[in-house]
Amino acid sequence: MAKNREIPLDGGTADAMPRQCAHEDCFESGEFRAPKARLLDRGAPDDYQWFCLAHIREFNKSWNFFDGMSAEEVLRYKDEDITGHRPTWKLGTRTASRQREYRYNDPFDFREEMGADEDGFAGNTKTKTRPPVDQKEREALAVLNLKPGCGMDEIKRRHKELAKKYHPDVRGGDKKAEEILKNINQAYTHLRSCGNS
């Protein structure tokens, strides 16, 4: 059975660039990289030291990233680590600085339901023009291949179009077309009963 072998941090091999172990009185090759001090950003090559397998294990046992930091600094670091130490802001507070290039496709008008502006950011001053669309109404609109917010005239026109296309008389008594027409009629009836959008 093969033994597990520790891999050098730089992904290289011992043959690529031979180094001597940084531990005193050790003449083994240093294959494993370790930081000389706490590095908040990616360090330069000079910020690291190299150890042999035995001494990197010893180093790792004693290494403490937070050594020398106050409790407050440790907590701040951990909080900032959640976002990768990048700046954050509350949702919807930076809408003025956003450009129009951030527009996205919203075929079901979710952003309007959520009270967002046309760029999709919440906190706008627009009032909602209609109540939210329920799941059944959404499904009925999908059967007719329509978007929420369409008027009754558009629904009637689309129903007539699809009824002509899938009518069994036109399709020669096709059972599949009959089933599709049944779904279309049910969707249309549901939308009429809702008094739709």
Protein backbone atom coordinates (compact mmCIF):
# COMPACT_ATOMS: atom_id res chain seq x y z
CA MET A 1 0.00 0.00 0.00
CA ALA A 2 1.41 3.42 -1.03
CA LYS A 3 2.10 6.04 1.63
CA ASN A 4 0.40 9.45 1.38
CA ARG A 5 2.87 12.04 0.18
CA GLU A 6 2.56 15.73 1.03
CA ILE A 7 2.59 17.95 -2.05
CA PRO A 8 4.64 21.17 -2.15
CA LEU A 9 2.46 24.31 -1.83
CA ASP A 10 3.75 25.81 -5.05
CA GLY A 11 2.70 22.69 -6.99
CA GLY A 12 6.27 22.14 -8.14
CA THR A 13 8.59 19.22 -7.64
CA ALA A 14 11.84 18.93 -5.75
CA ASP A 15 13.74 18.65 -9.04
CA ALA A 16 12.35 21.91 -10.43
CA MET A 17 14.24 24.24 -8.07
CA PRO A 18 16.33 22.68 -5.27
CA ARG A 19 16.29 24.68 -2.02
CA GLN A 20 17.78 23.93 1.36
CA CYS A 21 15.51 23.56 4.38
CA ALA A 22 15.28 26.86 6.32
CA HIS A 23 15.52 25.10 9.70
CA GLU A 24 18.86 25.45 11.50
CA ASP A 25 21.27 22.52 11.08
CA CYS A 26 19.11 20.84 8.44
CA PHE A 27 20.64 20.05 5.06
CA GLU A 28 17.59 18.38 3.48
CA SER A 29 15.99 19.95 0.40
CA GLY A 30 13.25 22.46 1.22
CA GLU A 31 10.24 21.37 -0.82
CA PHE A 32 7.45 22.88 1.28
CA ARG A 33 6.68 26.60 1.37
CA ALA A 34 5.69 28.45 4.54
CA PRO A 35 5.09 32.15 5.19
CA LYS A 36 7.66 34.12 7.18
CA ALA A 37 4.90 36.28 8.68
CA ARG A 38 1.13 36.74 8.42
CA LEU A 39 0.31 37.69 4.82
CA LEU A 40 -3.03 39.41 4.22
CA ASP A 41 -2.42 39.57 0.48
CA ARG A 42 -0.48 37.26 -1.77
CA GLY A 43 3.09 37.62 -0.79
CA ALA A 44 6.17 38.02 -2.94
CA PRO A 45 8.54 35.03 -3.26
CA ASP A 46 10.81 36.60 -0.60
CA ASP A 47 7.95 36.46 1.95
CA TYR A 48 8.23 32.66 2.18
CA GLN A 49 10.66 30.14 3.57
CA TRP A 50 11.11 26.52 2.53
CA PHE A 51 11.24 23.45 4.75
CA CYS A 52 11.78 19.71 4.43
CA LEU A 53 8.86 17.40 5.27
CA ALA A 54 9.79 16.90 8.94
CA HIS A 55 10.28 20.61 9.60
CA ILE A 56 7.17 21.79 7.70
CA ARG A 57 5.13 19.50 9.95
CA GLU A 58 6.79 21.05 13.01
CA PHE A 59 6.19 24.54 11.61
CA ASN A 60 2.50 23.81 10.90
CA LYS A 61 1.89 22.59 14.46
CA SER A 62 3.15 25.87 15.92
CA TRP A 63 1.79 28.29 13.28
CA ASN A 64 -0.93 30.68 14.45
CA PHE A 65 -2.19 33.14 11.87
CA PHE A 66 -3.84 35.32 14.53
CA ASP A 67 -0.78 35.53 16.78
CA GLY A 68 -0.22 39.16 17.83
CA MET A 69 -3.76 40.31 16.94
CA SER A 70 -6.18 41.62 19.55
CA ALA A 71 -9.55 39.90 20.06
CA GLU A 72 -11.24 42.81 18.27
CA GLU A 73 -8.88 42.51 15.28
CA VAL A 74 -9.50 38.75 15.08
CA LEU A 75 -13.28 39.24 15.08
CA ARG A 76 -13.04 42.00 12.44
CA TYR A 77 -10.84 39.77 10.28
CA LYS A 78 -13.28 36.85 10.59
CA ASP A 79 -16.26 39.08 9.71
CA GLU A 80 -14.45 40.47 6.65
CA ASP A 81 -13.39 36.96 5.64
CA ILE A 82 -17.04 36.05 4.99
CA THR A 83 -16.99 38.32 1.91
CA GLY A 84 -13.38 37.63 0.96
CA HIS A 85 -12.26 40.98 2.45
CA ARG A 86 -14.18 42.87 -0.26
CA PRO A 87 -16.31 45.95 0.49
CA THR A 88 -20.04 45.36 0.95
CA TRP A 89 -23.17 47.51 1.22
CA LYS A 90 -26.84 47.01 2.01
CA LEU A 91 -28.99 45.73 -0.83
CA GLY A 92 -30.55 48.58 -2.81
CA THR A 93 -28.35 51.38 -1.43
CA ARG A 94 -26.13 51.77 -4.51
CA THR A 95 -28.79 51.99 -7.23
CA ALA A 96 -27.85 55.51 -8.30
CA SER A 97 -24.33 54.50 -9.28
CA ARG A 98 -25.40 51.49 -11.34
CA GLN A 99 -25.36 51.85 -15.10
CA ARG A 100 -27.99 50.59 -17.55
CA GLU A 101 -25.63 47.85 -18.76
CA TYR A 102 -26.73 45.72 -15.78
CA ARG A 103 -30.24 45.14 -17.18
CA TYR A 104 -31.32 41.56 -17.31
CA ASN A 105 -34.04 39.53 -18.94
CA ASP A 106 -37.10 39.22 -16.68
CA PRO A 107 -39.88 37.58 -18.72
CA PHE A 108 -42.15 37.05 -15.70
CA ASP A 109 -41.68 40.54 -14.20
CA PHE A 110 -40.31 39.28 -10.89
CA ARG A 111 -38.49 42.56 -10.28
CA GLU A 112 -41.77 44.50 -10.45
CA GLU A 113 -43.39 42.12 -7.97
CA MET A 114 -40.47 42.61 -5.61
CA GLY A 115 -40.70 46.40 -5.84
CA ALA A 116 -37.48 46.72 -7.81
CA ASP A 117 -36.74 49.25 -10.52
CA GLU A 118 -36.09 48.39 -14.17
CA ASP A 119 -32.46 47.54 -13.39
CA GLY A 120 -33.58 44.98 -10.82
CA PHE A 121 -32.53 46.85 -7.70
CA ALA A 122 -34.88 47.08 -4.73
CA GLY A 123 -35.79 50.28 -2.95
CA ASN A 124 -37.26 52.22 -5.85
CA THR A 125 -40.10 54.67 -5.46
CA LYS A 126 -42.35 53.13 -8.13
CA THR A 127 -45.68 51.84 -6.89
CA LYS A 128 -46.79 48.41 -7.90
CA THR A 129 -49.18 48.56 -10.84
CA ARG A 130 -50.85 45.21 -10.13
CA PRO A 131 -50.99 42.56 -7.43
CA PRO A 132 -48.55 39.64 -7.60
CA VAL A 133 -49.38 36.83 -10.02
CA ASP A 134 -50.17 33.52 -8.30
CA GLN A 135 -48.65 30.19 -9.39
CA LYS A 136 -51.77 28.92 -11.22
CA GLU A 137 -52.08 32.13 -13.19
CA ARG A 138 -48.37 31.94 -14.07
CA GLU A 139 -48.82 28.37 -15.31
CA ALA A 140 -51.89 29.33 -17.35
CA LEU A 141 -49.96 32.18 -18.98
CA ALA A 142 -47.09 29.79 -19.72
CA VAL A 143 -49.48 27.37 -21.48
CA LEU A 144 -50.56 30.25 -23.74
CA ASN A 145 -46.93 31.39 -24.04
CA LEU A 146 -47.72 34.84 -22.61
CA LYS A 147 -46.01 37.05 -20.04
CA PRO A 148 -47.62 38.31 -16.85
CA GLY A 149 -49.14 41.73 -17.28
CA CYS A 150 -50.73 41.07 -20.66
CA GLY A 151 -54.30 42.27 -21.15
CA MET A 152 -57.46 40.24 -21.75
CA ASP A 153 -57.47 41.20 -25.45
CA GLU A 154 -54.05 39.63 -25.91
CA ILE A 155 -55.14 36.51 -24.01
CA LYS A 156 -58.26 36.14 -26.21
CA ARG A 157 -56.22 36.64 -29.39
CA ARG A 158 -53.63 34.04 -28.30
CA HIS A 159 -56.35 31.55 -27.28
CA LYS A 160 -58.06 31.87 -30.66
CA GLU A 161 -54.72 31.42 -32.46
CA LEU A 162 -53.82 28.26 -30.51
CA ALA A 163 -57.35 26.82 -30.70
CA LYS A 164 -57.23 27.04 -34.51
CA LYS A 165 -53.76 25.47 -34.58
CA TYR A 166 -54.53 22.49 -32.29
CA HIS A 167 -58.21 21.81 -33.07
CA PRO A 168 -58.73 18.06 -33.67
CA ASP A 169 -60.66 18.73 -36.90
CA VAL A 170 -57.64 20.56 -38.32
CA ARG A 171 -55.28 17.84 -37.04
CA GLY A 172 -57.33 14.93 -38.37
CA GLY A 173 -58.51 13.69 -34.95
CA ASP A 174 -55.01 13.63 -33.44
CA LYS A 175 -55.33 12.64 -29.75
CA LYS A 176 -52.19 14.58 -28.78
CA ALA A 177 -53.58 17.78 -30.31
CA GLU A 178 -56.86 17.14 -28.48
CA GLU A 179 -54.99 17.00 -25.14
CA ILE A 180 -53.04 20.18 -25.95
CA LEU A 181 -56.28 22.00 -26.85
CA LYS A 182 -57.82 20.83 -23.57
CA ASN A 183 -54.90 22.39 -21.63
CA ILE A 184 -55.18 25.60 -23.67
CA ASN A 185 -58.92 25.87 -22.93
CA GLN A 186 -58.38 25.24 -19.20
CA ALA A 187 -55.69 27.92 -19.06
CA TYR A 188 -57.90 30.39 -20.92
CA THR A 189 -60.86 29.67 -18.59
CA HIS A 190 -58.66 30.19 -15.52
CA LEU A 191 -57.32 33.52 -16.84
CA ARG A 192 -60.84 34.73 -17.64
CA SER A 193 -61.99 33.84 -14.13
CA CYS A 194 -59.07 35.80 -12.66
CA GLY A 195 -60.18 38.84 -14.64
CA ASN A 196 -56.53 38.83 -15.52
CA SER A 197 -53.89 41.43 -15.13
